[in-house]
Amino acid sequence: KIAVQLAEKQHLMASEFAPIASVYGFVFPWTSSLHSCRNHLLTGYKIGLQSGDLENAFMNITLYCFFCFSSGKPLSDLEADMRDYGRQMREYNMTLQLQFLSLTWQTILNLMGRNDDPLVLSGEVMSQEEMLQAADNDNSLVLRSQLQCHRLQLAVYFGDYELAAQLIGPVSNIGTVNPANPIIWRT
């Protein structure tokens, strides 16, 4: 909290205070509401764009979108926002953040009935197989684990408990792979 108060007091820009996403995305959600955290993440996104710190801007907005999803923002509104953020990420070649945004985005599309198989994260914005291949190519245990967590959420939501049971193993490492991940405490 001291770091955030100091940065706010000195009116630091996101590029000068890169921990905004870390603090409001991974620390404060354990003790604060998602609503208060997501507002700071949206501010971090805007400041990042203004200052040219695109990496932090898009990290903030990716977390913001996940928090909006987790805290019940209407899916149709959020999907429209994510379409715009996804376009920006493609425009600026922010591949890593687009991958993480796509996981939540495709999950939302599946929940909205815009996929023939709601249990598979393949559709308008991503291919589950291509994302798994990208995770393997980049040796990204975090991306693989996140993808499986989103699949687990869908399996539970749609009542496929057999699939959910199969996914427990692949997602059981998220606490080790990405211990501060908000999906742990919100799933």
N, C-alpha and C. Protein backbone atom coordinates (compact mmCIF):
# COMPACT_ATOMS: atom_id res chain seq x y z
N LYS A 1 0.82 -1.19 0.00
CA LYS A 1 0.00 0.00 0.00
C LYS A 1 0.87 1.26 0.00
N ILE A 2 2.00 1.18 0.66
CA ILE A 2 2.89 2.34 0.73
C ILE A 2 3.38 2.73 -0.66
N ALA A 3 3.74 1.75 -1.48
CA ALA A 3 4.22 2.04 -2.83
C ALA A 3 3.14 2.73 -3.66
N VAL A 4 1.92 2.29 -3.54
CA VAL A 4 0.81 2.89 -4.28
C VAL A 4 0.56 4.31 -3.79
N GLN A 5 0.55 4.52 -2.48
CA GLN A 5 0.32 5.86 -1.94
C GLN A 5 1.43 6.82 -2.36
N LEU A 6 2.65 6.35 -2.35
CA LEU A 6 3.78 7.18 -2.77
C LEU A 6 3.65 7.56 -4.24
N ALA A 7 3.30 6.60 -5.07
CA ALA A 7 3.14 6.88 -6.50
C ALA A 7 2.00 7.86 -6.75
N GLU A 8 0.88 7.67 -6.05
CA GLU A 8 -0.25 8.58 -6.22
C GLU A 8 0.10 9.99 -5.75
N LYS A 9 0.83 10.09 -4.66
CA LYS A 9 1.22 11.39 -4.11
C LYS A 9 2.13 12.14 -5.09
N GLN A 10 3.00 11.40 -5.76
CA GLN A 10 3.94 12.03 -6.68
C GLN A 10 3.41 12.09 -8.11
N HIS A 11 2.19 11.61 -8.34
CA HIS A 11 1.54 11.64 -9.66
C HIS A 11 2.40 10.98 -10.74
N LEU A 12 2.90 9.81 -10.43
CA LEU A 12 3.73 9.10 -11.39
C LEU A 12 2.89 8.52 -12.51
N MET A 13 3.45 8.53 -13.71
CA MET A 13 2.80 7.91 -14.86
C MET A 13 3.03 6.40 -14.78
N ALA A 14 2.23 5.64 -15.52
CA ALA A 14 2.33 4.17 -15.48
C ALA A 14 3.72 3.71 -15.90
N SER A 15 4.33 4.40 -16.87
CA SER A 15 5.66 3.98 -17.30
C SER A 15 6.70 4.19 -16.21
N GLU A 16 6.43 5.13 -15.30
CA GLU A 16 7.33 5.36 -14.19
C GLU A 16 6.94 4.51 -12.99
N PHE A 17 5.72 4.00 -13.00
CA PHE A 17 5.24 3.18 -11.90
C PHE A 17 4.61 1.91 -12.48
N ALA A 18 5.45 1.08 -13.06
CA ALA A 18 5.02 -0.14 -13.72
C ALA A 18 4.28 -1.11 -12.81
N PRO A 19 4.49 -1.10 -11.49
CA PRO A 19 3.81 -2.10 -10.64
C PRO A 19 2.30 -1.96 -10.52
N ILE A 20 1.66 -1.01 -11.19
CA ILE A 20 0.21 -0.85 -11.07
C ILE A 20 -0.50 -2.18 -11.31
N ALA A 21 -0.17 -2.87 -12.42
CA ALA A 21 -0.82 -4.14 -12.73
C ALA A 21 -0.49 -5.19 -11.68
N SER A 22 0.74 -5.20 -11.23
CA SER A 22 1.12 -6.19 -10.21
C SER A 22 0.38 -5.96 -8.91
N VAL A 23 0.32 -4.72 -8.48
CA VAL A 23 -0.30 -4.40 -7.19
C VAL A 23 -1.81 -4.61 -7.24
N TYR A 24 -2.47 -4.02 -8.26
CA TYR A 24 -3.93 -4.11 -8.33
C TYR A 24 -4.41 -5.39 -9.00
N GLY A 25 -3.51 -6.08 -9.69
CA GLY A 25 -3.89 -7.32 -10.34
C GLY A 25 -3.61 -8.57 -9.54
N PHE A 26 -2.58 -8.50 -8.68
CA PHE A 26 -2.17 -9.73 -8.01
C PHE A 26 -2.03 -9.63 -6.49
N VAL A 27 -1.94 -8.42 -5.95
CA VAL A 27 -1.78 -8.28 -4.50
C VAL A 27 -3.09 -7.84 -3.85
N PHE A 28 -3.60 -6.68 -4.24
CA PHE A 28 -4.79 -6.13 -3.60
C PHE A 28 -6.05 -6.98 -3.75
N PRO A 29 -6.21 -7.73 -4.83
CA PRO A 29 -7.43 -8.55 -4.92
C PRO A 29 -7.59 -9.54 -3.77
N TRP A 30 -6.53 -9.84 -3.06
CA TRP A 30 -6.64 -10.73 -1.91
C TRP A 30 -7.30 -10.03 -0.73
N THR A 31 -7.24 -8.69 -0.71
CA THR A 31 -7.76 -7.96 0.45
C THR A 31 -8.79 -6.88 0.07
N SER A 32 -8.95 -6.61 -1.20
CA SER A 32 -9.86 -5.54 -1.65
C SER A 32 -10.87 -6.12 -2.64
N SER A 33 -11.90 -5.36 -2.92
CA SER A 33 -12.91 -5.82 -3.86
C SER A 33 -12.36 -5.77 -5.29
N LEU A 34 -12.89 -6.64 -6.12
CA LEU A 34 -12.49 -6.62 -7.53
C LEU A 34 -12.90 -5.31 -8.18
N HIS A 35 -14.02 -4.74 -7.75
CA HIS A 35 -14.48 -3.47 -8.32
C HIS A 35 -13.45 -2.37 -8.10
N SER A 36 -12.92 -2.26 -6.89
CA SER A 36 -11.93 -1.20 -6.65
C SER A 36 -10.64 -1.49 -7.41
N CYS A 37 -10.24 -2.72 -7.48
CA CYS A 37 -9.01 -3.07 -8.21
C CYS A 37 -9.17 -2.83 -9.70
N ARG A 38 -10.31 -3.21 -10.23
CA ARG A 38 -10.47 -3.08 -11.69
C ARG A 38 -10.49 -1.62 -12.12
N ASN A 39 -11.00 -0.73 -11.27
CA ASN A 39 -10.98 0.69 -11.62
C ASN A 39 -9.55 1.21 -11.73
N HIS A 40 -8.68 0.77 -10.84
CA HIS A 40 -7.26 1.18 -10.91
C HIS A 40 -6.59 0.59 -12.14
N LEU A 41 -6.95 -0.65 -12.48
CA LEU A 41 -6.38 -1.28 -13.67
C LEU A 41 -6.79 -0.54 -14.94
N LEU A 42 -8.04 -0.09 -15.00
CA LEU A 42 -8.49 0.69 -16.15
C LEU A 42 -7.72 2.01 -16.24
N THR A 43 -7.50 2.63 -15.10
CA THR A 43 -6.70 3.86 -15.08
C THR A 43 -5.27 3.58 -15.54
N GLY A 44 -4.69 2.48 -15.06
CA GLY A 44 -3.34 2.10 -15.49
C GLY A 44 -3.26 1.88 -16.99
N TYR A 45 -4.30 1.31 -17.57
CA TYR A 45 -4.36 1.11 -19.03
C TYR A 45 -4.33 2.46 -19.75
N LYS A 46 -5.17 3.38 -19.29
CA LYS A 46 -5.26 4.69 -19.95
C LYS A 46 -3.95 5.46 -19.83
N ILE A 47 -3.36 5.44 -18.66
CA ILE A 47 -2.07 6.13 -18.46
C ILE A 47 -0.98 5.47 -19.30
N GLY A 48 -0.99 4.15 -19.35
CA GLY A 48 -0.01 3.44 -20.17
C GLY A 48 -0.11 3.81 -21.64
N LEU A 49 -1.33 3.93 -22.15
CA LEU A 49 -1.50 4.35 -23.55
C LEU A 49 -0.99 5.77 -23.76
N GLN A 50 -1.34 6.67 -22.82
CA GLN A 50 -0.92 8.06 -22.93
C GLN A 50 0.60 8.21 -22.90
N SER A 51 1.24 7.39 -22.07
CA SER A 51 2.68 7.51 -21.90
C SER A 51 3.48 6.65 -22.89
N GLY A 52 2.77 5.83 -23.66
CA GLY A 52 3.46 4.96 -24.62
C GLY A 52 3.96 3.66 -24.03
N ASP A 53 3.60 3.37 -22.81
CA ASP A 53 4.01 2.12 -22.16
C ASP A 53 2.95 1.06 -22.47
N LEU A 54 3.01 0.54 -23.71
CA LEU A 54 1.97 -0.35 -24.20
C LEU A 54 1.95 -1.69 -23.48
N GLU A 55 3.10 -2.21 -23.12
CA GLU A 55 3.14 -3.49 -22.44
C GLU A 55 2.36 -3.45 -21.12
N ASN A 56 2.63 -2.42 -20.33
CA ASN A 56 1.90 -2.27 -19.07
C ASN A 56 0.44 -1.89 -19.30
N ALA A 57 0.18 -1.07 -20.32
CA ALA A 57 -1.20 -0.70 -20.63
C ALA A 57 -2.03 -1.95 -20.90
N PHE A 58 -1.52 -2.83 -21.73
CA PHE A 58 -2.30 -4.01 -22.10
C PHE A 58 -2.30 -5.08 -21.02
N MET A 59 -1.30 -5.10 -20.17
CA MET A 59 -1.35 -6.00 -19.02
C MET A 59 -2.48 -5.55 -18.09
N ASN A 60 -2.56 -4.24 -17.87
CA ASN A 60 -3.63 -3.69 -17.02
C ASN A 60 -5.00 -4.00 -17.59
N ILE A 61 -5.17 -3.84 -18.89
CA ILE A 61 -6.52 -4.03 -19.46
C ILE A 61 -6.88 -5.50 -19.52
N THR A 62 -5.92 -6.37 -19.67
CA THR A 62 -6.19 -7.81 -19.66
C THR A 62 -6.69 -8.23 -18.28
N LEU A 63 -6.02 -7.75 -17.24
CA LEU A 63 -6.46 -8.04 -15.87
C LEU A 63 -7.81 -7.39 -15.60
N TYR A 64 -7.99 -6.17 -16.08
CA TYR A 64 -9.27 -5.47 -15.92
C TYR A 64 -10.41 -6.31 -16.49
N CYS A 65 -10.22 -6.81 -17.69
CA CYS A 65 -11.28 -7.61 -18.33
C CYS A 65 -11.56 -8.89 -17.55
N PHE A 66 -10.52 -9.53 -17.05
CA PHE A 66 -10.72 -10.74 -16.26
C PHE A 66 -11.49 -10.41 -14.98
N PHE A 67 -11.16 -9.30 -14.34
CA PHE A 67 -11.86 -8.91 -13.12
C PHE A 67 -13.32 -8.55 -13.41
N CYS A 68 -13.56 -7.89 -14.54
CA CYS A 68 -14.94 -7.59 -14.93
C CYS A 68 -15.73 -8.88 -15.12
N PHE A 69 -15.12 -9.85 -15.77
CA PHE A 69 -15.74 -11.16 -15.97
C PHE A 69 -16.02 -11.82 -14.62
N SER A 70 -15.03 -11.80 -13.76
CA SER A 70 -15.15 -12.47 -12.46
C SER A 70 -16.12 -11.78 -11.52
N SER A 71 -16.35 -10.50 -11.74
CA SER A 71 -17.23 -9.76 -10.83
C SER A 71 -18.60 -9.47 -11.42
N GLY A 72 -18.92 -10.09 -12.55
CA GLY A 72 -20.28 -10.05 -13.04
C GLY A 72 -20.68 -8.94 -13.98
N LYS A 73 -19.73 -8.31 -14.66
CA LYS A 73 -20.12 -7.33 -15.67
C LYS A 73 -20.91 -8.07 -16.76
N PRO A 74 -21.98 -7.48 -17.28
CA PRO A 74 -22.75 -8.15 -18.33
C PRO A 74 -21.86 -8.61 -19.48
N LEU A 75 -22.02 -9.88 -19.85
CA LEU A 75 -21.12 -10.48 -20.83
C LEU A 75 -21.14 -9.76 -22.17
N SER A 76 -22.31 -9.34 -22.64
CA SER A 76 -22.37 -8.68 -23.95
C SER A 76 -21.61 -7.35 -23.93
N ASP A 77 -21.70 -6.61 -22.85
CA ASP A 77 -20.95 -5.35 -22.73
C ASP A 77 -19.46 -5.62 -22.69
N LEU A 78 -19.07 -6.59 -21.90
CA LEU A 78 -17.65 -6.91 -21.75
C LEU A 78 -17.08 -7.45 -23.05
N GLU A 79 -17.84 -8.28 -23.74
CA GLU A 79 -17.35 -8.83 -25.01
C GLU A 79 -17.10 -7.72 -26.03
N ALA A 80 -17.98 -6.74 -26.07
CA ALA A 80 -17.79 -5.60 -27.00
C ALA A 80 -16.52 -4.84 -26.64
N ASP A 81 -16.28 -4.63 -25.35
CA ASP A 81 -15.05 -3.96 -24.92
C ASP A 81 -13.82 -4.78 -25.31
N MET A 82 -13.90 -6.08 -25.08
CA MET A 82 -12.76 -6.94 -25.36
C MET A 82 -12.45 -6.99 -26.86
N ARG A 83 -13.47 -6.89 -27.67
CA ARG A 83 -13.26 -6.85 -29.12
C ARG A 83 -12.38 -5.65 -29.48
N ASP A 84 -12.67 -4.50 -28.86
CA ASP A 84 -11.89 -3.29 -29.11
C ASP A 84 -10.46 -3.45 -28.56
N TYR A 85 -10.33 -3.96 -27.34
CA TYR A 85 -8.99 -4.15 -26.76
C TYR A 85 -8.19 -5.16 -27.57
N GLY A 86 -8.84 -6.22 -28.02
CA GLY A 86 -8.16 -7.23 -28.84
C GLY A 86 -7.66 -6.63 -30.14
N ARG A 87 -8.47 -5.77 -30.76
CA ARG A 87 -8.05 -5.10 -31.99
C ARG A 87 -6.81 -4.24 -31.73
N GLN A 88 -6.82 -3.52 -30.61
CA GLN A 88 -5.66 -2.69 -30.27
C GLN A 88 -4.41 -3.56 -30.06
N MET A 89 -4.57 -4.68 -29.38
CA MET A 89 -3.43 -5.55 -29.12
C MET A 89 -2.86 -6.11 -30.42
N ARG A 90 -3.73 -6.47 -31.36
CA ARG A 90 -3.25 -6.94 -32.66
C ARG A 90 -2.53 -5.81 -33.40
N GLU A 91 -3.11 -4.62 -33.34
CA GLU A 91 -2.53 -3.46 -34.02
C GLU A 91 -1.11 -3.16 -33.51
N TYR A 92 -0.90 -3.30 -32.21
CA TYR A 92 0.40 -3.02 -31.61
C TYR A 92 1.25 -4.28 -31.42
N ASN A 93 0.81 -5.39 -31.98
CA ASN A 93 1.55 -6.64 -31.92
C ASN A 93 1.87 -7.08 -30.49
N MET A 94 0.88 -6.99 -29.63
CA MET A 94 1.02 -7.38 -28.22
C MET A 94 0.53 -8.83 -28.08
N THR A 95 1.29 -9.75 -28.64
CA THR A 95 0.88 -11.15 -28.77
C THR A 95 0.63 -11.82 -27.43
N LEU A 96 1.53 -11.63 -26.48
CA LEU A 96 1.39 -12.30 -25.20
C LEU A 96 0.12 -11.87 -24.47
N GLN A 97 -0.12 -10.57 -24.40
CA GLN A 97 -1.32 -10.09 -23.72
C GLN A 97 -2.58 -10.50 -24.48
N LEU A 98 -2.51 -10.53 -25.81
CA LEU A 98 -3.66 -10.97 -26.60
C LEU A 98 -3.98 -12.44 -26.32
N GLN A 99 -2.95 -13.25 -26.11
CA GLN A 99 -3.21 -14.65 -25.78
C GLN A 99 -4.00 -14.77 -24.48
N PHE A 100 -3.58 -14.04 -23.46
CA PHE A 100 -4.27 -14.11 -22.17
C PHE A 100 -5.67 -13.49 -22.25
N LEU A 101 -5.80 -12.38 -22.97
CA LEU A 101 -7.12 -11.77 -23.16
C LEU A 101 -8.05 -12.74 -23.88
N SER A 102 -7.51 -13.44 -24.88
CA SER A 102 -8.32 -14.36 -25.69
C SER A 102 -8.91 -15.49 -24.87
N LEU A 103 -8.21 -15.93 -23.84
CA LEU A 103 -8.73 -17.01 -22.99
C LEU A 103 -10.05 -16.59 -22.33
N THR A 104 -10.06 -15.41 -21.73
CA THR A 104 -11.28 -14.92 -21.08
C THR A 104 -12.32 -14.56 -22.13
N TRP A 105 -11.89 -13.97 -23.21
CA TRP A 105 -12.79 -13.53 -24.28
C TRP A 105 -13.52 -14.73 -24.89
N GLN A 106 -12.79 -15.79 -25.22
CA GLN A 106 -13.43 -16.97 -25.81
C GLN A 106 -14.33 -17.66 -24.79
N THR A 107 -13.94 -17.64 -23.52
CA THR A 107 -14.79 -18.20 -22.46
C THR A 107 -16.13 -17.46 -22.45
N ILE A 108 -16.08 -16.14 -22.55
CA ILE A 108 -17.29 -15.33 -22.57
C ILE A 108 -18.14 -15.67 -23.79
N LEU A 109 -17.51 -15.80 -24.95
CA LEU A 109 -18.26 -16.15 -26.16
C LEU A 109 -18.93 -17.51 -26.00
N ASN A 110 -18.22 -18.45 -25.40
CA ASN A 110 -18.81 -19.77 -25.16
C ASN A 110 -20.02 -19.65 -24.23
N LEU A 111 -19.90 -18.85 -23.18
CA LEU A 111 -21.01 -18.68 -22.24
C LEU A 111 -22.21 -17.98 -22.91
N MET A 112 -21.92 -17.19 -23.91
CA MET A 112 -22.98 -16.48 -24.64
C MET A 112 -23.61 -17.35 -25.73
N GLY A 113 -23.13 -18.60 -25.86
CA GLY A 113 -23.70 -19.51 -26.86
C GLY A 113 -23.16 -19.31 -28.25
N ARG A 114 -22.00 -18.68 -28.37
CA ARG A 114 -21.43 -18.40 -29.69
C ARG A 114 -20.32 -19.38 -30.06
N ASN A 115 -20.55 -20.64 -29.70
CA ASN A 115 -19.62 -21.72 -30.03
C ASN A 115 -20.44 -23.01 -30.08
N ASP A 116 -20.21 -23.83 -31.09
CA ASP A 116 -20.95 -25.09 -31.20
C ASP A 116 -20.69 -26.01 -30.02
N ASP A 117 -19.48 -26.03 -29.53
CA ASP A 117 -19.13 -26.84 -28.37
C ASP A 117 -18.65 -25.91 -27.26
N PRO A 118 -19.51 -25.60 -26.30
CA PRO A 118 -19.15 -24.62 -25.27
C PRO A 118 -18.02 -25.08 -24.34
N LEU A 119 -17.63 -26.34 -24.42
CA LEU A 119 -16.57 -26.86 -23.56
C LEU A 119 -15.19 -26.75 -24.19
N VAL A 120 -15.14 -26.33 -25.44
CA VAL A 120 -13.87 -26.21 -26.16
C VAL A 120 -13.61 -24.73 -26.42
N LEU A 121 -12.42 -24.28 -26.09
CA LEU A 121 -12.06 -22.87 -26.28
C LEU A 121 -11.54 -22.63 -27.69
N SER A 122 -12.37 -22.95 -28.65
CA SER A 122 -12.07 -22.68 -30.06
C SER A 122 -13.28 -21.99 -30.65
N GLY A 123 -13.04 -20.92 -31.35
CA GLY A 123 -14.15 -20.19 -31.93
C GLY A 123 -13.69 -18.91 -32.58
N GLU A 124 -14.44 -17.84 -32.33
CA GLU A 124 -14.21 -16.57 -32.99
C GLU A 124 -12.83 -15.96 -32.74
N VAL A 125 -12.30 -16.12 -31.53
CA VAL A 125 -11.07 -15.39 -31.19
C VAL A 125 -9.85 -16.27 -30.98
N MET A 126 -10.03 -17.56 -30.84
CA MET A 126 -8.86 -18.41 -30.62
C MET A 126 -9.17 -19.86 -30.95
N SER A 127 -8.10 -20.61 -31.09
CA SER A 127 -8.18 -22.06 -31.25
C SER A 127 -7.50 -22.69 -30.05
N GLN A 128 -8.22 -23.54 -29.35
CA GLN A 128 -7.67 -24.20 -28.17
C GLN A 128 -6.39 -24.96 -28.51
N GLU A 129 -6.41 -25.70 -29.61
CA GLU A 129 -5.23 -26.48 -29.99
C GLU A 129 -4.04 -25.58 -30.33
N GLU A 130 -4.29 -24.50 -31.06
CA GLU A 130 -3.20 -23.58 -31.39
C GLU A 130 -2.64 -22.89 -30.14
N MET A 131 -3.52 -22.57 -29.20
CA MET A 131 -3.07 -21.94 -27.96
C MET A 131 -2.23 -22.92 -27.13
N LEU A 132 -2.66 -24.17 -27.07
CA LEU A 132 -1.87 -25.18 -26.36
C LEU A 132 -0.52 -25.37 -27.03
N GLN A 133 -0.51 -25.36 -28.36
CA GLN A 133 0.75 -25.49 -29.11
C GLN A 133 1.66 -24.29 -28.84
N ALA A 134 1.08 -23.09 -28.81
CA ALA A 134 1.87 -21.89 -28.51
C ALA A 134 2.44 -21.97 -27.10
N ALA A 135 1.65 -22.45 -26.15
CA ALA A 135 2.13 -22.59 -24.78
C ALA A 135 3.30 -23.58 -24.73
N ASP A 136 3.19 -24.67 -25.47
CA ASP A 136 4.28 -25.66 -25.51
C ASP A 136 5.52 -25.09 -26.21
N ASN A 137 5.32 -24.40 -27.33
CA ASN A 137 6.45 -23.81 -28.07
C ASN A 137 7.21 -22.80 -27.24
N ASP A 138 6.47 -22.01 -26.45
CA ASP A 138 7.09 -20.98 -25.60
C ASP A 138 7.44 -21.50 -24.22
N ASN A 139 7.17 -22.77 -23.99
CA ASN A 139 7.36 -23.39 -22.67
C ASN A 139 6.67 -22.56 -21.59
N SER A 140 5.44 -22.13 -21.90
CA SER A 140 4.67 -21.28 -20.99
C SER A 140 3.70 -22.11 -20.17
N LEU A 141 4.15 -22.51 -19.00
CA LEU A 141 3.29 -23.26 -18.10
C LEU A 141 2.13 -22.40 -17.62
N VAL A 142 2.36 -21.09 -17.52
CA VAL A 142 1.31 -20.18 -17.07
C VAL A 142 0.16 -20.15 -18.09
N LEU A 143 0.49 -19.99 -19.37
CA LEU A 143 -0.54 -19.94 -20.41
C LEU A 143 -1.32 -21.27 -20.46
N ARG A 144 -0.61 -22.38 -20.42
CA ARG A 144 -1.25 -23.69 -20.45
C ARG A 144 -2.18 -23.85 -19.23
N SER A 145 -1.70 -23.48 -18.07
CA SER A 145 -2.49 -23.61 -16.86
C SER A 145 -3.73 -22.72 -16.90
N GLN A 146 -3.56 -21.49 -17.37
CA GLN A 146 -4.70 -20.56 -17.49
C GLN A 146 -5.76 -21.13 -18.44
N LEU A 147 -5.32 -21.65 -19.57
CA LEU A 147 -6.25 -22.22 -20.53
C LEU A 147 -7.05 -23.35 -19.88
N GLN A 148 -6.36 -24.22 -19.18
CA GLN A 148 -7.05 -25.35 -18.55
C GLN A 148 -8.00 -24.88 -17.44
N CYS A 149 -7.64 -23.80 -16.74
CA CYS A 149 -8.54 -23.24 -15.71
C CYS A 149 -9.83 -22.72 -16.34
N HIS A 150 -9.71 -22.04 -17.47
CA HIS A 150 -10.91 -21.55 -18.16
C HIS A 150 -11.76 -22.72 -18.64
N ARG A 151 -11.12 -23.77 -19.14
CA ARG A 151 -11.87 -24.96 -19.56
C ARG A 151 -12.57 -25.59 -18.36
N LEU A 152 -11.90 -25.63 -17.22
CA LEU A 152 -12.50 -26.19 -16.01
C LEU A 152 -13.74 -25.39 -15.61
N GLN A 153 -13.64 -24.07 -15.67
CA GLN A 153 -14.80 -23.23 -15.35
C GLN A 153 -15.98 -23.57 -16.27
N LEU A 154 -15.71 -23.73 -17.56
CA LEU A 154 -16.77 -24.05 -18.50
C LEU A 154 -17.35 -25.43 -18.23
N ALA A 155 -16.49 -26.40 -17.94
CA ALA A 155 -16.96 -27.76 -17.67
C ALA A 155 -17.91 -27.77 -16.46
N VAL A 156 -17.54 -27.06 -15.42
CA VAL A 156 -18.40 -27.00 -14.23
C VAL A 156 -19.69 -26.26 -14.55
N TYR A 157 -19.58 -25.13 -15.22
CA TYR A 157 -20.77 -24.33 -15.54
C TYR A 157 -21.78 -25.13 -16.37
N PHE A 158 -21.26 -25.86 -17.37
CA PHE A 158 -22.14 -26.61 -18.26
C PHE A 158 -22.43 -28.03 -17.76
N GLY A 159 -21.99 -28.35 -16.56
CA GLY A 159 -22.36 -29.61 -15.93
C GLY A 159 -21.64 -30.85 -16.43
N ASP A 160 -20.50 -30.67 -17.09
CA ASP A 160 -19.73 -31.84 -17.53
C ASP A 160 -18.68 -32.15 -16.46
N TYR A 161 -19.12 -32.82 -15.42
CA TYR A 161 -18.26 -33.08 -14.27
C TYR A 161 -17.19 -34.13 -14.57
N GLU A 162 -17.42 -34.95 -15.57
CA GLU A 162 -16.40 -35.90 -15.99
C GLU A 162 -15.20 -35.15 -16.56
N LEU A 163 -15.47 -34.20 -17.45
CA LEU A 163 -14.40 -33.37 -18.00
C LEU A 163 -13.74 -32.55 -16.89
N ALA A 164 -14.54 -32.01 -16.01
CA ALA A 164 -14.00 -31.22 -14.90
C ALA A 164 -13.02 -32.07 -14.08
N ALA A 165 -13.38 -33.30 -13.81
CA ALA A 165 -12.51 -34.20 -13.05
C ALA A 165 -11.20 -34.46 -13.80
N GLN A 166 -11.28 -34.59 -15.12
CA GLN A 166 -10.07 -34.81 -15.93
C GLN A 166 -9.17 -33.58 -15.92
N LEU A 167 -9.77 -32.40 -15.84
CA LEU A 167 -8.99 -31.15 -15.89
C LEU A 167 -8.37 -30.79 -14.54
N ILE A 168 -8.81 -31.41 -13.48
CA ILE A 168 -8.26 -31.10 -12.16
C ILE A 168 -6.74 -31.30 -12.15
N GLY A 169 -6.27 -32.40 -12.72
CA GLY A 169 -4.83 -32.67 -12.77
C GLY A 169 -4.05 -31.57 -13.49
N PRO A 170 -4.43 -31.25 -14.74
CA PRO A 170 -3.70 -30.21 -15.48
C PRO A 170 -3.73 -28.82 -14.84
N VAL A 171 -4.75 -28.51 -14.02
CA VAL A 171 -4.79 -27.18 -13.41
C VAL A 171 -4.27 -27.17 -11.99
N SER A 172 -3.97 -28.32 -11.45
CA SER A 172 -3.56 -28.38 -10.05
C SER A 172 -2.22 -27.69 -9.79
N ASN A 173 -1.47 -27.41 -10.83
CA ASN A 173 -0.16 -26.77 -10.66
C ASN A 173 -0.23 -25.25 -10.70
N ILE A 174 -1.41 -24.67 -10.87
CA ILE A 174 -1.47 -23.21 -11.02
C ILE A 174 -0.93 -22.48 -9.79
N GLY A 175 -1.12 -23.04 -8.63
CA GLY A 175 -0.60 -22.41 -7.42
C GLY A 175 0.92 -22.35 -7.40
N THR A 176 1.57 -23.27 -8.09
CA THR A 176 3.02 -23.28 -8.18
C THR A 176 3.50 -22.48 -9.37
N VAL A 177 2.82 -22.65 -10.50
CA VAL A 177 3.20 -22.00 -11.75
C VAL A 177 2.97 -20.49 -11.69
N ASN A 178 1.88 -20.09 -11.09
CA ASN A 178 1.49 -18.69 -11.07
C ASN A 178 0.75 -18.40 -9.76
N PRO A 179 1.49 -18.37 -8.64
CA PRO A 179 0.85 -18.33 -7.32
C PRO A 179 0.00 -17.09 -7.03
N ALA A 180 0.27 -15.98 -7.67
CA ALA A 180 -0.52 -14.78 -7.39
C ALA A 180 -1.70 -14.64 -8.32
N ASN A 181 -1.91 -15.64 -9.17
CA ASN A 181 -2.95 -15.55 -10.17
C ASN A 181 -4.34 -15.40 -9.55
N PRO A 182 -5.10 -14.40 -10.02
CA PRO A 182 -6.43 -14.19 -9.45
C PRO A 182 -7.41 -15.32 -9.72
N ILE A 183 -7.14 -16.15 -10.70
CA ILE A 183 -8.07 -17.24 -11.00
C ILE A 183 -8.11 -18.24 -9.85
N ILE A 184 -7.05 -18.30 -9.06
CA ILE A 184 -7.00 -19.24 -7.94
C ILE A 184 -8.08 -18.90 -6.92
N TRP A 185 -8.16 -17.67 -6.52
CA TRP A 185 -9.10 -17.30 -5.46
C TRP A 185 -10.48 -16.97 -5.98
N ARG A 186 -10.66 -16.85 -7.28
CA ARG A 186 -11.97 -16.53 -7.81
C ARG A 186 -12.65 -17.73 -8.47
N THR A 187 -11.95 -18.84 -8.57
CA THR A 187 -12.52 -20.04 -9.19
C THR A 187 -13.16 -20.90 -8.14
